[in-house]
Amino acid sequence: GNFWVAGLVLLAPMMLAVRSTVRDRSRARLLLAHTRKQVLVEGKLLQALVPREVKERFLRGDKLIADRIQDGSVLFVYVAKYRPIMLQYGAPATILWINKVYAALDHCIGSASVIKVETF
């Protein structure tokens, strides 16, 4: 009788530790899957926002990403009343319109050596 009690006293903490470890591993797997998803989303977002060369330098861990350009021009495009337009026409119609505006700018630029940075 005492043998079983002693065995139970010794095994119970180990069983609880194993159960806790299994639960922790399950949580870790879920966290890893979520993290992988986030990395993919962030990679796609980074790819959409900056030129490929800048993305590569950023992912390499470069602290300062700046290039010297001998001659250049800067064009800032601001869409006035963007929010009221979006509220009036809805997001899908507004996005289609913005895409047309950017396509027209791209067409005007043509094949010139241009670095585009787009933000909202």
PDB file of N, CA and C in Angstrom:
ATOM      1  N   GLY A   1       0.797  -1.190   0.000  1.00  0.00           N
ATOM      2  CA  GLY A   1       0.000   0.000   0.000  1.00  0.00           C
ATOM      3  C   GLY A   1       0.838   1.251   0.000  1.00  0.00           C
ATOM      4  N   ASN A   2       1.877   1.310   0.874  1.00  0.00           N
ATOM      5  CA  ASN A   2       2.719   2.500   0.949  1.00  0.00           C
ATOM      6  C   ASN A   2       3.532   2.688  -0.331  1.00  0.00           C
ATOM      7  N   PHE A   3       3.824   1.569  -0.986  1.00  0.00           N
ATOM      8  CA  PHE A   3       4.574   1.621  -2.245  1.00  0.00           C
ATOM      9  C   PHE A   3       3.810   2.439  -3.294  1.00  0.00           C
ATOM     10  N   TRP A   4       2.518   2.206  -3.397  1.00  0.00           N
ATOM     11  CA  TRP A   4       1.694   2.927  -4.374  1.00  0.00           C
ATOM     12  C   TRP A   4       1.589   4.412  -4.037  1.00  0.00           C
ATOM     13  N   VAL A   5       1.453   4.715  -2.777  1.00  0.00           N
ATOM     14  CA  VAL A   5       1.375   6.119  -2.354  1.00  0.00           C
ATOM     15  C   VAL A   5       2.684   6.832  -2.659  1.00  0.00           C
ATOM     16  N   ALA A   6       3.799   6.180  -2.317  1.00  0.00           N
ATOM     17  CA  ALA A   6       5.113   6.776  -2.580  1.00  0.00           C
ATOM     18  C   ALA A   6       5.327   6.950  -4.085  1.00  0.00           C
ATOM     19  N   GLY A   7       4.934   5.938  -4.853  1.00  0.00           N
ATOM     20  CA  GLY A   7       5.070   6.035  -6.312  1.00  0.00           C
ATOM     21  C   GLY A   7       4.233   7.153  -6.891  1.00  0.00           C
ATOM     22  N   LEU A   8       3.021   7.282  -6.384  1.00  0.00           N
ATOM     23  CA  LEU A   8       2.130   8.347  -6.857  1.00  0.00           C
ATOM     24  C   LEU A   8       2.684   9.718  -6.499  1.00  0.00           C
ATOM     25  N   VAL A   9       3.217   9.858  -5.303  1.00  0.00           N
ATOM     26  CA  VAL A   9       3.806  11.130  -4.869  1.00  0.00           C
ATOM     27  C   VAL A   9       4.991  11.495  -5.760  1.00  0.00           C
ATOM     28  N   LEU A  10       5.769  10.508  -6.171  1.00  0.00           N
ATOM     29  CA  LEU A  10       6.924  10.766  -7.031  1.00  0.00           C
ATOM     30  C   LEU A  10       6.518  11.007  -8.491  1.00  0.00           C
ATOM     31  N   LEU A  11       5.529  10.290  -8.981  1.00  0.00           N
ATOM     32  CA  LEU A  11       5.153  10.384 -10.393  1.00  0.00           C
ATOM     33  C   LEU A  11       4.226  11.555 -10.706  1.00  0.00           C
ATOM     34  N   ALA A  12       3.417  11.956  -9.742  1.00  0.00           N
ATOM     35  CA  ALA A  12       2.448  13.021 -10.003  1.00  0.00           C
ATOM     36  C   ALA A  12       3.109  14.304 -10.508  1.00  0.00           C
ATOM     37  N   PRO A  13       4.167  14.807  -9.864  1.00  0.00           N
ATOM     38  CA  PRO A  13       4.804  16.029 -10.390  1.00  0.00           C
ATOM     39  C   PRO A  13       5.366  15.844 -11.798  1.00  0.00           C
ATOM     40  N   MET A  14       5.913  14.643 -12.064  1.00  0.00           N
ATOM     41  CA  MET A  14       6.442  14.383 -13.411  1.00  0.00           C
ATOM     42  C   MET A  14       5.322  14.365 -14.440  1.00  0.00           C
ATOM     43  N   MET A  15       4.200  13.770 -14.074  1.00  0.00           N
ATOM     44  CA  MET A  15       3.074  13.720 -15.004  1.00  0.00           C
ATOM     45  C   MET A  15       2.550  15.138 -15.290  1.00  0.00           C
ATOM     46  N   LEU A  16       2.473  15.953 -14.252  1.00  0.00           N
ATOM     47  CA  LEU A  16       2.043  17.346 -14.436  1.00  0.00           C
ATOM     48  C   LEU A  16       3.038  18.120 -15.302  1.00  0.00           C
ATOM     49  N   ALA A  17       4.314  17.876 -15.091  1.00  0.00           N
ATOM     50  CA  ALA A  17       5.346  18.547 -15.891  1.00  0.00           C
ATOM     51  C   ALA A  17       5.243  18.132 -17.356  1.00  0.00           C
ATOM     52  N   VAL A  18       5.032  16.838 -17.605  1.00  0.00           N
ATOM     53  CA  VAL A  18       4.889  16.343 -18.987  1.00  0.00           C
ATOM     54  C   VAL A  18       3.660  16.971 -19.630  1.00  0.00           C
ATOM     55  N   ARG A  19       2.553  17.001 -18.902  1.00  0.00           N
ATOM     56  CA  ARG A  19       1.318  17.588 -19.425  1.00  0.00           C
ATOM     57  C   ARG A  19       1.516  19.066 -19.752  1.00  0.00           C
ATOM     58  N   SER A  20       2.190  19.776 -18.872  1.00  0.00           N
ATOM     59  CA  SER A  20       2.476  21.190 -19.087  1.00  0.00           C
ATOM     60  C   SER A  20       3.384  21.385 -20.301  1.00  0.00           C
ATOM     61  N   THR A  21       4.379  20.516 -20.445  1.00  0.00           N
ATOM     62  CA  THR A  21       5.294  20.597 -21.585  1.00  0.00           C
ATOM     63  C   THR A  21       4.565  20.364 -22.896  1.00  0.00           C
ATOM     64  N   VAL A  22       3.670  19.379 -22.911  1.00  0.00           N
ATOM     65  CA  VAL A  22       2.894  19.093 -24.128  1.00  0.00           C
ATOM     66  C   VAL A  22       2.051  20.312 -24.486  1.00  0.00           C
ATOM     67  N   ARG A  23       1.410  20.936 -23.488  1.00  0.00           N
ATOM     68  CA  ARG A  23       0.608  22.133 -23.717  1.00  0.00           C
ATOM     69  C   ARG A  23       1.479  23.281 -24.241  1.00  0.00           C
ATOM     70  N   ASP A  24       2.660  23.452 -23.652  1.00  0.00           N
ATOM     71  CA  ASP A  24       3.571  24.510 -24.081  1.00  0.00           C
ATOM     72  C   ASP A  24       4.041  24.289 -25.511  1.00  0.00           C
ATOM     73  N   ARG A  25       4.312  23.046 -25.868  1.00  0.00           N
ATOM     74  CA  ARG A  25       4.736  22.743 -27.246  1.00  0.00           C
ATOM     75  C   ARG A  25       3.624  23.062 -28.232  1.00  0.00           C
ATOM     76  N   SER A  26       2.403  22.745 -27.856  1.00  0.00           N
ATOM     77  CA  SER A  26       1.263  23.042 -28.714  1.00  0.00           C
ATOM     78  C   SER A  26       1.138  24.551 -28.911  1.00  0.00           C
ATOM     79  N   ARG A  27       1.270  25.300 -27.839  1.00  0.00           N
ATOM     80  CA  ARG A  27       1.228  26.762 -27.934  1.00  0.00           C
ATOM     81  C   ARG A  27       2.377  27.282 -28.781  1.00  0.00           C
ATOM     82  N   ALA A  28       3.548  26.703 -28.604  1.00  0.00           N
ATOM     83  CA  ALA A  28       4.720  27.127 -29.374  1.00  0.00           C
ATOM     84  C   ALA A  28       4.505  26.874 -30.859  1.00  0.00           C
ATOM     85  N   ARG A  29       3.897  25.734 -31.215  1.00  0.00           N
ATOM     86  CA  ARG A  29       3.613  25.444 -32.624  1.00  0.00           C
ATOM     87  C   ARG A  29       2.646  26.466 -33.208  1.00  0.00           C
ATOM     88  N   LEU A  30       1.608  26.790 -32.442  1.00  0.00           N
ATOM     89  CA  LEU A  30       0.646  27.795 -32.904  1.00  0.00           C
ATOM     90  C   LEU A  30       1.309  29.155 -33.072  1.00  0.00           C
ATOM     91  N   LEU A  31       2.144  29.533 -32.116  1.00  0.00           N
ATOM     92  CA  LEU A  31       2.852  30.807 -32.198  1.00  0.00           C
ATOM     93  C   LEU A  31       3.790  30.836 -33.402  1.00  0.00           C
ATOM     94  N   LEU A  32       4.481  29.740 -33.648  1.00  0.00           N
ATOM     95  CA  LEU A  32       5.385  29.652 -34.793  1.00  0.00           C
ATOM     96  C   LEU A  32       4.608  29.787 -36.100  1.00  0.00           C
ATOM     97  N   ALA A  33       3.474  29.119 -36.213  1.00  0.00           N
ATOM     98  CA  ALA A  33       2.650  29.221 -37.426  1.00  0.00           C
ATOM     99  C   ALA A  33       2.179  30.656 -37.621  1.00  0.00           C
ATOM    100  N   HIS A  34       1.743  31.304 -36.550  1.00  0.00           N
ATOM    101  CA  HIS A  34       1.297  32.696 -36.636  1.00  0.00           C
ATOM    102  C   HIS A  34       2.450  33.607 -37.041  1.00  0.00           C
ATOM    103  N   THR A  35       3.622  33.378 -36.464  1.00  0.00           N
ATOM    104  CA  THR A  35       4.799  34.196 -36.785  1.00  0.00           C
ATOM    105  C   THR A  35       5.182  34.037 -38.247  1.00  0.00           C
ATOM    106  N   ARG A  36       5.146  32.810 -38.751  1.00  0.00           N
ATOM    107  CA  ARG A  36       5.460  32.586 -40.174  1.00  0.00           C
ATOM    108  C   ARG A  36       4.493  33.344 -41.069  1.00  0.00           C
ATOM    109  N   LYS A  37       3.208  33.324 -40.726  1.00  0.00           N
ATOM    110  CA  LYS A  37       2.206  34.073 -41.494  1.00  0.00           C
ATOM    111  C   LYS A  37       2.527  35.565 -41.490  1.00  0.00           C
ATOM    112  N   GLN A  38       2.861  36.094 -40.315  1.00  0.00           N
ATOM    113  CA  GLN A  38       3.169  37.513 -40.184  1.00  0.00           C
ATOM    114  C   GLN A  38       4.391  37.888 -41.020  1.00  0.00           C
ATOM    115  N   VAL A  39       5.400  37.019 -41.021  1.00  0.00           N
ATOM    116  CA  VAL A  39       6.604  37.285 -41.808  1.00  0.00           C
ATOM    117  C   VAL A  39       6.254  37.355 -43.288  1.00  0.00           C
ATOM    118  N   LEU A  40       5.403  36.460 -43.758  1.00  0.00           N
ATOM    119  CA  LEU A  40       4.989  36.493 -45.165  1.00  0.00           C
ATOM    120  C   LEU A  40       4.234  37.775 -45.484  1.00  0.00           C
ATOM    121  N   VAL A  41       3.310  38.154 -44.605  1.00  0.00           N
ATOM    122  CA  VAL A  41       2.528  39.375 -44.818  1.00  0.00           C
ATOM    123  C   VAL A  41       3.445  40.591 -44.828  1.00  0.00           C
ATOM    124  N   GLU A  42       4.353  40.677 -43.858  1.00  0.00           N
ATOM    125  CA  GLU A  42       5.259  41.812 -43.777  1.00  0.00           C
ATOM    126  C   GLU A  42       6.201  41.856 -44.972  1.00  0.00           C
ATOM    127  N   GLY A  43       6.632  40.692 -45.441  1.00  0.00           N
ATOM    128  CA  GLY A  43       7.488  40.648 -46.631  1.00  0.00           C
ATOM    129  C   GLY A  43       6.765  41.160 -47.855  1.00  0.00           C
ATOM    130  N   LYS A  44       5.503  40.784 -48.002  1.00  0.00           N
ATOM    131  CA  LYS A  44       4.717  41.269 -49.140  1.00  0.00           C
ATOM    132  C   LYS A  44       4.472  42.765 -49.026  1.00  0.00           C
ATOM    133  N   LEU A  45       4.209  43.236 -47.803  1.00  0.00           N
ATOM    134  CA  LEU A  45       3.996  44.654 -47.589  1.00  0.00           C
ATOM    135  C   LEU A  45       5.255  45.438 -47.907  1.00  0.00           C
ATOM    136  N   LEU A  46       6.389  44.962 -47.429  1.00  0.00           N
ATOM    137  CA  LEU A  46       7.661  45.617 -47.703  1.00  0.00           C
ATOM    138  C   LEU A  46       7.930  45.647 -49.198  1.00  0.00           C
ATOM    139  N   GLN A  47       7.646  44.553 -49.883  1.00  0.00           N
ATOM    140  CA  GLN A  47       7.849  44.468 -51.326  1.00  0.00           C
ATOM    141  C   GLN A  47       6.965  45.474 -52.055  1.00  0.00           C
ATOM    142  N   ALA A  48       5.756  45.692 -51.557  1.00  0.00           N
ATOM    143  CA  ALA A  48       4.834  46.620 -52.207  1.00  0.00           C
ATOM    144  C   ALA A  48       5.212  48.076 -51.973  1.00  0.00           C
ATOM    145  N   LEU A  49       5.893  48.368 -50.874  1.00  0.00           N
ATOM    146  CA  LEU A  49       6.154  49.755 -50.508  1.00  0.00           C
ATOM    147  C   LEU A  49       7.500  50.296 -50.944  1.00  0.00           C
ATOM    148  N   VAL A  50       8.487  49.429 -51.093  1.00  0.00           N
ATOM    149  CA  VAL A  50       9.827  49.930 -51.418  1.00  0.00           C
ATOM    150  C   VAL A  50      10.415  49.155 -52.593  1.00  0.00           C
ATOM    151  N   PRO A  51      11.362  49.769 -53.295  1.00  0.00           N
ATOM    152  CA  PRO A  51      12.026  49.056 -54.392  1.00  0.00           C
ATOM    153  C   PRO A  51      12.738  47.799 -53.884  1.00  0.00           C
ATOM    154  N   ARG A  52      12.898  46.832 -54.781  1.00  0.00           N
ATOM    155  CA  ARG A  52      13.511  45.547 -54.440  1.00  0.00           C
ATOM    156  C   ARG A  52      14.878  45.720 -53.789  1.00  0.00           C
ATOM    157  N   GLU A  53      15.697  46.621 -54.318  1.00  0.00           N
ATOM    158  CA  GLU A  53      17.044  46.815 -53.775  1.00  0.00           C
ATOM    159  C   GLU A  53      16.994  47.299 -52.330  1.00  0.00           C
ATOM    160  N   VAL A  54      16.063  48.178 -52.030  1.00  0.00           N
ATOM    161  CA  VAL A  54      15.927  48.689 -50.663  1.00  0.00           C
ATOM    162  C   VAL A  54      15.464  47.573 -49.736  1.00  0.00           C
ATOM    163  N   LYS A  55      14.513  46.776 -50.205  1.00  0.00           N
ATOM    164  CA  LYS A  55      14.022  45.649 -49.402  1.00  0.00           C
ATOM    165  C   LYS A  55      15.171  44.705 -49.058  1.00  0.00           C
ATOM    166  N   GLU A  56      16.002  44.376 -50.058  1.00  0.00           N
ATOM    167  CA  GLU A  56      17.120  43.456 -49.831  1.00  0.00           C
ATOM    168  C   GLU A  56      18.109  44.022 -48.815  1.00  0.00           C
ATOM    169  N   ARG A  57      18.381  45.325 -48.921  1.00  0.00           N
ATOM    170  CA  ARG A  57      19.308  45.957 -47.985  1.00  0.00           C
ATOM    171  C   ARG A  57      18.719  45.978 -46.575  1.00  0.00           C
ATOM    172  N   PHE A  58      17.436  46.225 -46.479  1.00  0.00           N
ATOM    173  CA  PHE A  58      16.759  46.227 -45.180  1.00  0.00           C
ATOM    174  C   PHE A  58      16.810  44.843 -44.539  1.00  0.00           C
ATOM    175  N   LEU A  59      16.516  43.809 -45.339  1.00  0.00           N
ATOM    176  CA  LEU A  59      16.527  42.446 -44.814  1.00  0.00           C
ATOM    177  C   LEU A  59      17.926  41.971 -44.451  1.00  0.00           C
ATOM    178  N   ARG A  60      18.941  42.542 -45.110  1.00  0.00           N
ATOM    179  CA  ARG A  60      20.333  42.223 -44.755  1.00  0.00           C
ATOM    180  C   ARG A  60      20.713  42.837 -43.421  1.00  0.00           C
ATOM    181  N   GLY A  61      19.929  43.810 -42.988  1.00  0.00           N
ATOM    182  CA  GLY A  61      20.201  44.449 -41.709  1.00  0.00           C
ATOM    183  C   GLY A  61      20.939  45.761 -41.817  1.00  0.00           C
ATOM    184  N   ASP A  62      21.022  46.317 -43.033  1.00  0.00           N
ATOM    185  CA  ASP A  62      21.676  47.613 -43.187  1.00  0.00           C
ATOM    186  C   ASP A  62      20.996  48.635 -42.288  1.00  0.00           C
ATOM    187  N   LYS A  63      21.777  49.394 -41.553  1.00  0.00           N
ATOM    188  CA  LYS A  63      21.229  50.395 -40.629  1.00  0.00           C
ATOM    189  C   LYS A  63      20.803  51.662 -41.361  1.00  0.00           C
ATOM    190  N   LEU A  64      21.551  52.046 -42.367  1.00  0.00           N
ATOM    191  CA  LEU A  64      21.258  53.260 -43.124  1.00  0.00           C
ATOM    192  C   LEU A  64      21.094  52.889 -44.591  1.00  0.00           C
ATOM    193  N   ILE A  65      19.952  53.207 -45.130  1.00  0.00           N
ATOM    194  CA  ILE A  65      19.705  52.907 -46.536  1.00  0.00           C
ATOM    195  C   ILE A  65      19.473  54.236 -47.245  1.00  0.00           C
ATOM    196  N   ALA A  66      20.521  54.707 -47.890  1.00  0.00           N
ATOM    197  CA  ALA A  66      20.445  55.975 -48.613  1.00  0.00           C
ATOM    198  C   ALA A  66      21.385  55.884 -49.805  1.00  0.00           C
ATOM    199  N   ASP A  67      20.973  56.459 -50.891  1.00  0.00           N
ATOM    200  CA  ASP A  67      21.795  56.474 -52.097  1.00  0.00           C
ATOM    201  C   ASP A  67      22.055  57.922 -52.500  1.00  0.00           C
ATOM    202  N   ARG A  68      23.207  58.140 -53.066  1.00  0.00           N
ATOM    203  CA  ARG A  68      23.541  59.468 -53.584  1.00  0.00           C
ATOM    204  C   ARG A  68      23.094  59.497 -55.045  1.00  0.00           C
ATOM    205  N   ILE A  69      22.317  60.507 -55.373  1.00  0.00           N
ATOM    206  CA  ILE A  69      21.844  60.675 -56.747  1.00  0.00           C
ATOM    207  C   ILE A  69      22.357  62.021 -57.238  1.00  0.00           C
ATOM    208  N   GLN A  70      23.087  61.989 -58.352  1.00  0.00           N
ATOM    209  CA  GLN A  70      23.731  63.193 -58.865  1.00  0.00           C
ATOM    210  C   GLN A  70      22.706  64.249 -59.260  1.00  0.00           C
ATOM    211  N   ASP A  71      21.795  63.898 -60.118  1.00  0.00           N
ATOM    212  CA  ASP A  71      20.764  64.833 -60.582  1.00  0.00           C
ATOM    213  C   ASP A  71      19.413  64.177 -60.373  1.00  0.00           C
ATOM    214  N   GLY A  72      18.474  64.946 -59.904  1.00  0.00           N
ATOM    215  CA  GLY A  72      17.169  64.341 -59.703  1.00  0.00           C
ATOM    216  C   GLY A  72      16.091  65.370 -59.435  1.00  0.00           C
ATOM    217  N   SER A  73      14.904  64.908 -59.533  1.00  0.00           N
ATOM    218  CA  SER A  73      13.730  65.718 -59.225  1.00  0.00           C
ATOM    219  C   SER A  73      12.853  64.911 -58.294  1.00  0.00           C
ATOM    220  N   VAL A  74      12.081  65.607 -57.511  1.00  0.00           N
ATOM    221  CA  VAL A  74      11.165  64.950 -56.590  1.00  0.00           C
ATOM    222  C   VAL A  74       9.765  65.460 -56.885  1.00  0.00           C
ATOM    223  N   LEU A  75       8.844  64.537 -57.015  1.00  0.00           N
ATOM    224  CA  LEU A  75       7.443  64.889 -57.241  1.00  0.00           C
ATOM    225  C   LEU A  75       6.635  64.310 -56.096  1.00  0.00           C
ATOM    226  N   PHE A  76       5.967  65.173 -55.362  1.00  0.00           N
ATOM    227  CA  PHE A  76       5.065  64.741 -54.309  1.00  0.00           C
ATOM    228  C   PHE A  76       3.647  64.868 -54.838  1.00  0.00           C
ATOM    229  N   VAL A  77       2.903  63.798 -54.723  1.00  0.00           N
ATOM    230  CA  VAL A  77       1.507  63.820 -55.158  1.00  0.00           C
ATOM    231  C   VAL A  77       0.641  63.644 -53.924  1.00  0.00           C
ATOM    232  N   TYR A  78      -0.233  64.597 -53.711  1.00  0.00           N
ATOM    233  CA  TYR A  78      -1.143  64.536 -52.573  1.00  0.00           C
ATOM    234  C   TYR A  78      -2.556  64.540 -53.126  1.00  0.00           C
ATOM    235  N   VAL A  79      -3.337  63.554 -52.753  1.00  0.00           N
ATOM    236  CA  VAL A  79      -4.723  63.491 -53.203  1.00  0.00           C
ATOM    237  C   VAL A  79      -5.572  64.232 -52.170  1.00  0.00           C
ATOM    238  N   ALA A  80      -5.977  65.437 -52.545  1.00  0.00           N
ATOM    239  CA  ALA A  80      -6.779  66.260 -51.636  1.00  0.00           C
ATOM    240  C   ALA A  80      -8.156  65.628 -51.440  1.00  0.00           C
ATOM    241  N   LYS A  81      -8.655  65.735 -50.236  1.00  0.00           N
ATOM    242  CA  LYS A  81      -9.994  65.243 -49.884  1.00  0.00           C
ATOM    243  C   LYS A  81     -10.153  63.743 -50.141  1.00  0.00           C
ATOM    244  N   TYR A  82      -9.079  63.005 -49.918  1.00  0.00           N
ATOM    245  CA  TYR A  82      -9.111  61.562 -50.156  1.00  0.00           C
ATOM    246  C   TYR A  82     -10.196  60.887 -49.324  1.00  0.00           C
ATOM    247  N   ARG A  83     -10.237  61.206 -48.036  1.00  0.00           N
ATOM    248  CA  ARG A  83     -11.211  60.552 -47.147  1.00  0.00           C
ATOM    249  C   ARG A  83     -12.657  60.837 -47.560  1.00  0.00           C
ATOM    250  N   PRO A  84     -13.023  62.098 -47.821  1.00  0.00           N
ATOM    251  CA  PRO A  84     -14.403  62.347 -48.267  1.00  0.00           C
ATOM    252  C   PRO A  84     -14.742  61.635 -49.582  1.00  0.00           C
ATOM    253  N   ILE A  85     -13.753  61.565 -50.473  1.00  0.00           N
ATOM    254  CA  ILE A  85     -13.973  60.866 -51.752  1.00  0.00           C
ATOM    255  C   ILE A  85     -14.236  59.382 -51.481  1.00  0.00           C
ATOM    256  N   MET A  86     -13.410  58.800 -50.606  1.00  0.00           N
ATOM    257  CA  MET A  86     -13.580  57.382 -50.295  1.00  0.00           C
ATOM    258  C   MET A  86     -14.933  57.133 -49.638  1.00  0.00           C
ATOM    259  N   LEU A  87     -15.333  58.022 -48.717  1.00  0.00           N
ATOM    260  CA  LEU A  87     -16.618  57.849 -48.038  1.00  0.00           C
ATOM    261  C   LEU A  87     -17.787  57.998 -49.014  1.00  0.00           C
ATOM    262  N   GLN A  88     -17.651  58.894 -49.974  1.00  0.00           N
ATOM    263  CA  GLN A  88     -18.739  59.115 -50.935  1.00  0.00           C
ATOM    264  C   GLN A  88     -18.850  57.980 -51.950  1.00  0.00           C
ATOM    265  N   TYR A  89     -17.714  57.515 -52.477  1.00  0.00           N
ATOM    266  CA  TYR A  89     -17.745  56.533 -53.563  1.00  0.00           C
ATOM    267  C   TYR A  89     -17.454  55.098 -53.106  1.00  0.00           C
ATOM    268  N   GLY A  90     -16.984  54.942 -51.874  1.00  0.00           N
ATOM    269  CA  GLY A  90     -16.661  53.607 -51.380  1.00  0.00           C
ATOM    270  C   GLY A  90     -15.222  53.239 -51.682  1.00  0.00           C
ATOM    271  N   ALA A  91     -14.709  52.321 -50.897  1.00  0.00           N
ATOM    272  CA  ALA A  91     -13.303  51.927 -51.031  1.00  0.00           C
ATOM    273  C   ALA A  91     -12.973  51.308 -52.388  1.00  0.00           C
ATOM    274  N   PRO A  92     -13.776  50.350 -52.901  1.00  0.00           N
ATOM    275  CA  PRO A  92     -13.404  49.742 -54.196  1.00  0.00           C
ATOM    276  C   PRO A  92     -13.312  50.759 -55.335  1.00  0.00           C
ATOM    277  N   ALA A  93     -14.292  51.649 -55.440  1.00  0.00           N
ATOM    278  CA  ALA A  93     -14.277  52.646 -56.523  1.00  0.00           C
ATOM    279  C   ALA A  93     -13.107  53.616 -56.348  1.00  0.00           C
ATOM    280  N   THR A  94     -12.831  53.985 -55.106  1.00  0.00           N
ATOM    281  CA  THR A  94     -11.729  54.912 -54.840  1.00  0.00           C
ATOM    282  C   THR A  94     -10.392  54.271 -55.189  1.00  0.00           C
ATOM    283  N   ILE A  95     -10.209  53.015 -54.830  1.00  0.00           N
ATOM    284  CA  ILE A  95      -8.954  52.315 -55.147  1.00  0.00           C
ATOM    285  C   ILE A  95      -8.781  52.192 -56.659  1.00  0.00           C
ATOM    286  N   LEU A  96      -9.848  51.882 -57.366  1.00  0.00           N
ATOM    287  CA  LEU A  96      -9.767  51.818 -58.832  1.00  0.00           C
ATOM    288  C   LEU A  96      -9.352  53.169 -59.403  1.00  0.00           C
ATOM    289  N   TRP A  97      -9.925  54.248 -58.864  1.00  0.00           N
ATOM    290  CA  TRP A  97      -9.593  55.591 -59.330  1.00  0.00           C
ATOM    291  C   TRP A  97      -8.130  55.919 -59.038  1.00  0.00           C
ATOM    292  N   ILE A  98      -7.671  55.611 -57.808  1.00  0.00           N
ATOM    293  CA  ILE A  98      -6.265  55.856 -57.443  1.00  0.00           C
ATOM    294  C   ILE A  98      -5.338  55.076 -58.369  1.00  0.00           C
ATOM    295  N   ASN A  99      -5.693  53.819 -58.675  1.00  0.00           N
ATOM    296  CA  ASN A  99      -4.882  53.023 -59.603  1.00  0.00           C
ATOM    297  C   ASN A  99      -4.789  53.681 -60.969  1.00  0.00           C
ATOM    298  N   LYS A 100      -5.898  54.262 -61.441  1.00  0.00           N
ATOM    299  CA  LYS A 100      -5.882  54.965 -62.735  1.00  0.00           C
ATOM    300  C   LYS A 100      -4.968  56.188 -62.680  1.00  0.00           C
ATOM    301  N   VAL A 101      -5.025  56.920 -61.570  1.00  0.00           N
ATOM    302  CA  VAL A 101      -4.159  58.098 -61.412  1.00  0.00           C
ATOM    303  C   VAL A 101      -2.695  57.670 -61.458  1.00  0.00           C
ATOM    304  N   TYR A 102      -2.344  56.630 -60.694  1.00  0.00           N
ATOM    305  CA  TYR A 102      -0.958  56.166 -60.684  1.00  0.00           C
ATOM    306  C   TYR A 102      -0.546  55.603 -62.045  1.00  0.00           C
ATOM    307  N   ALA A 103      -1.442  54.929 -62.724  1.00  0.00           N
ATOM    308  CA  ALA A 103      -1.132  54.409 -64.070  1.00  0.00           C
ATOM    309  C   ALA A 103      -0.856  55.560 -65.024  1.00  0.00           C
ATOM    310  N   ALA A 104      -1.635  56.640 -64.912  1.00  0.00           N
ATOM    311  CA  ALA A 104      -1.411  57.816 -65.773  1.00  0.00           C
ATOM    312  C   ALA A 104      -0.047  58.443 -65.463  1.00  0.00           C
ATOM    313  N   LEU A 105       0.314  58.540 -64.174  1.00  0.00           N
ATOM    314  CA  LEU A 105       1.637  59.069 -63.814  1.00  0.00           C
ATOM    315  C   LEU A 105       2.739  58.160 -64.344  1.00  0.00           C
ATOM    316  N   ASP A 106       2.555  56.858 -64.210  1.00  0.00           N
ATOM    317  CA  ASP A 106       3.546  55.911 -64.732  1.00  0.00           C
ATOM    318  C   ASP A 106       3.717  56.074 -66.231  1.00  0.00           C
ATOM    319  N   HIS A 107       2.617  56.285 -66.925  1.00  0.00           N
ATOM    320  CA  HIS A 107       2.672  56.462 -68.386  1.00  0.00           C
ATOM    321  C   HIS A 107       3.434  57.746 -68.737  1.00  0.00           C
ATOM    322  N   CYS A 108       3.204  58.818 -67.990  1.00  0.00           N
ATOM    323  CA  CYS A 108       3.909  60.078 -68.244  1.00  0.00           C
ATOM    324  C   CYS A 108       5.409  59.936 -68.007  1.00  0.00           C
ATOM    325  N   ILE A 109       5.752  59.177 -66.984  1.00  0.00           N
ATOM    326  CA  ILE A 109       7.163  58.978 -66.658  1.00  0.00           C
ATOM    327  C   ILE A 109       7.833  58.136 -67.728  1.00  0.00           C
ATOM    328  N   GLY A 110       7.097  57.189 -68.269  1.00  0.00           N
ATOM    329  CA  GLY A 110       7.641  56.326 -69.314  1.00  0.00           C
ATOM    330  C   GLY A 110       8.746  55.443 -68.793  1.00  0.00           C
ATOM    331  N   SER A 111       9.786  55.317 -69.578  1.00  0.00           N
ATOM    332  CA  SER A 111      10.883  54.419 -69.216  1.00  0.00           C
ATOM    333  C   SER A 111      12.047  55.175 -68.580  1.00  0.00           C
ATOM    334  N   ALA A 112      11.812  56.394 -68.125  1.00  0.00           N
ATOM    335  CA  ALA A 112      12.881  57.168 -67.487  1.00  0.00           C
ATOM    336  C   ALA A 112      13.391  56.412 -66.263  1.00  0.00           C
ATOM    337  N   SER A 113      14.607  56.695 -65.904  1.00  0.00           N
ATOM    338  CA  SER A 113      15.188  56.059 -64.717  1.00  0.00           C
ATOM    339  C   SER A 113      14.585  56.733 -63.486  1.00  0.00           C
ATOM    340  N   VAL A 114      13.573  56.078 -62.928  1.00  0.00           N
ATOM    341  CA  VAL A 114      12.799  56.683 -61.848  1.00  0.00           C
ATOM    342  C   VAL A 114      12.738  55.733 -60.661  1.00  0.00           C
ATOM    343  N   ILE A 115      12.848  56.285 -59.479  1.00  0.00           N
ATOM    344  CA  ILE A 115      12.624  55.535 -58.261  1.00  0.00           C
ATOM    345  C   ILE A 115      11.324  56.049 -57.681  1.00  0.00           C
ATOM    346  N   LYS A 116      10.354  55.162 -57.544  1.00  0.00           N
ATOM    347  CA  LYS A 116       9.067  55.572 -57.016  1.00  0.00           C
ATOM    348  C   LYS A 116       8.911  55.053 -55.586  1.00  0.00           C
ATOM    349  N   VAL A 117       8.416  55.927 -54.745  1.00  0.00           N
ATOM    350  CA  VAL A 117       8.077  55.545 -53.385  1.00  0.00           C
ATOM    351  C   VAL A 117       6.639  55.984 -53.176  1.00  0.00           C
ATOM    352  N   GLU A 118       5.798  55.025 -52.863  1.00  0.00           N
ATOM    353  CA  GLU A 118       4.379  55.322 -52.706  1.00  0.00           C
ATOM    354  C   GLU A 118       3.966  55.052 -51.270  1.00  0.00           C
ATOM    355  N   THR A 119       3.245  55.981 -50.699  1.00  0.00           N
ATOM    356  CA  THR A 119       2.726  55.797 -49.343  1.00  0.00           C
ATOM    357  C   THR A 119       1.311  56.346 -49.273  1.00  0.00           C
ATOM    358  N   PHE A 120       0.630  55.984 -48.231  1.00  0.00           N
ATOM    359  CA  PHE A 120      -0.694  56.546 -47.967  1.00  0.00           C
ATOM    360  C   PHE A 120      -0.698  57.079 -46.572  1.00  0.00           C
TER     361      PHE A 120
END
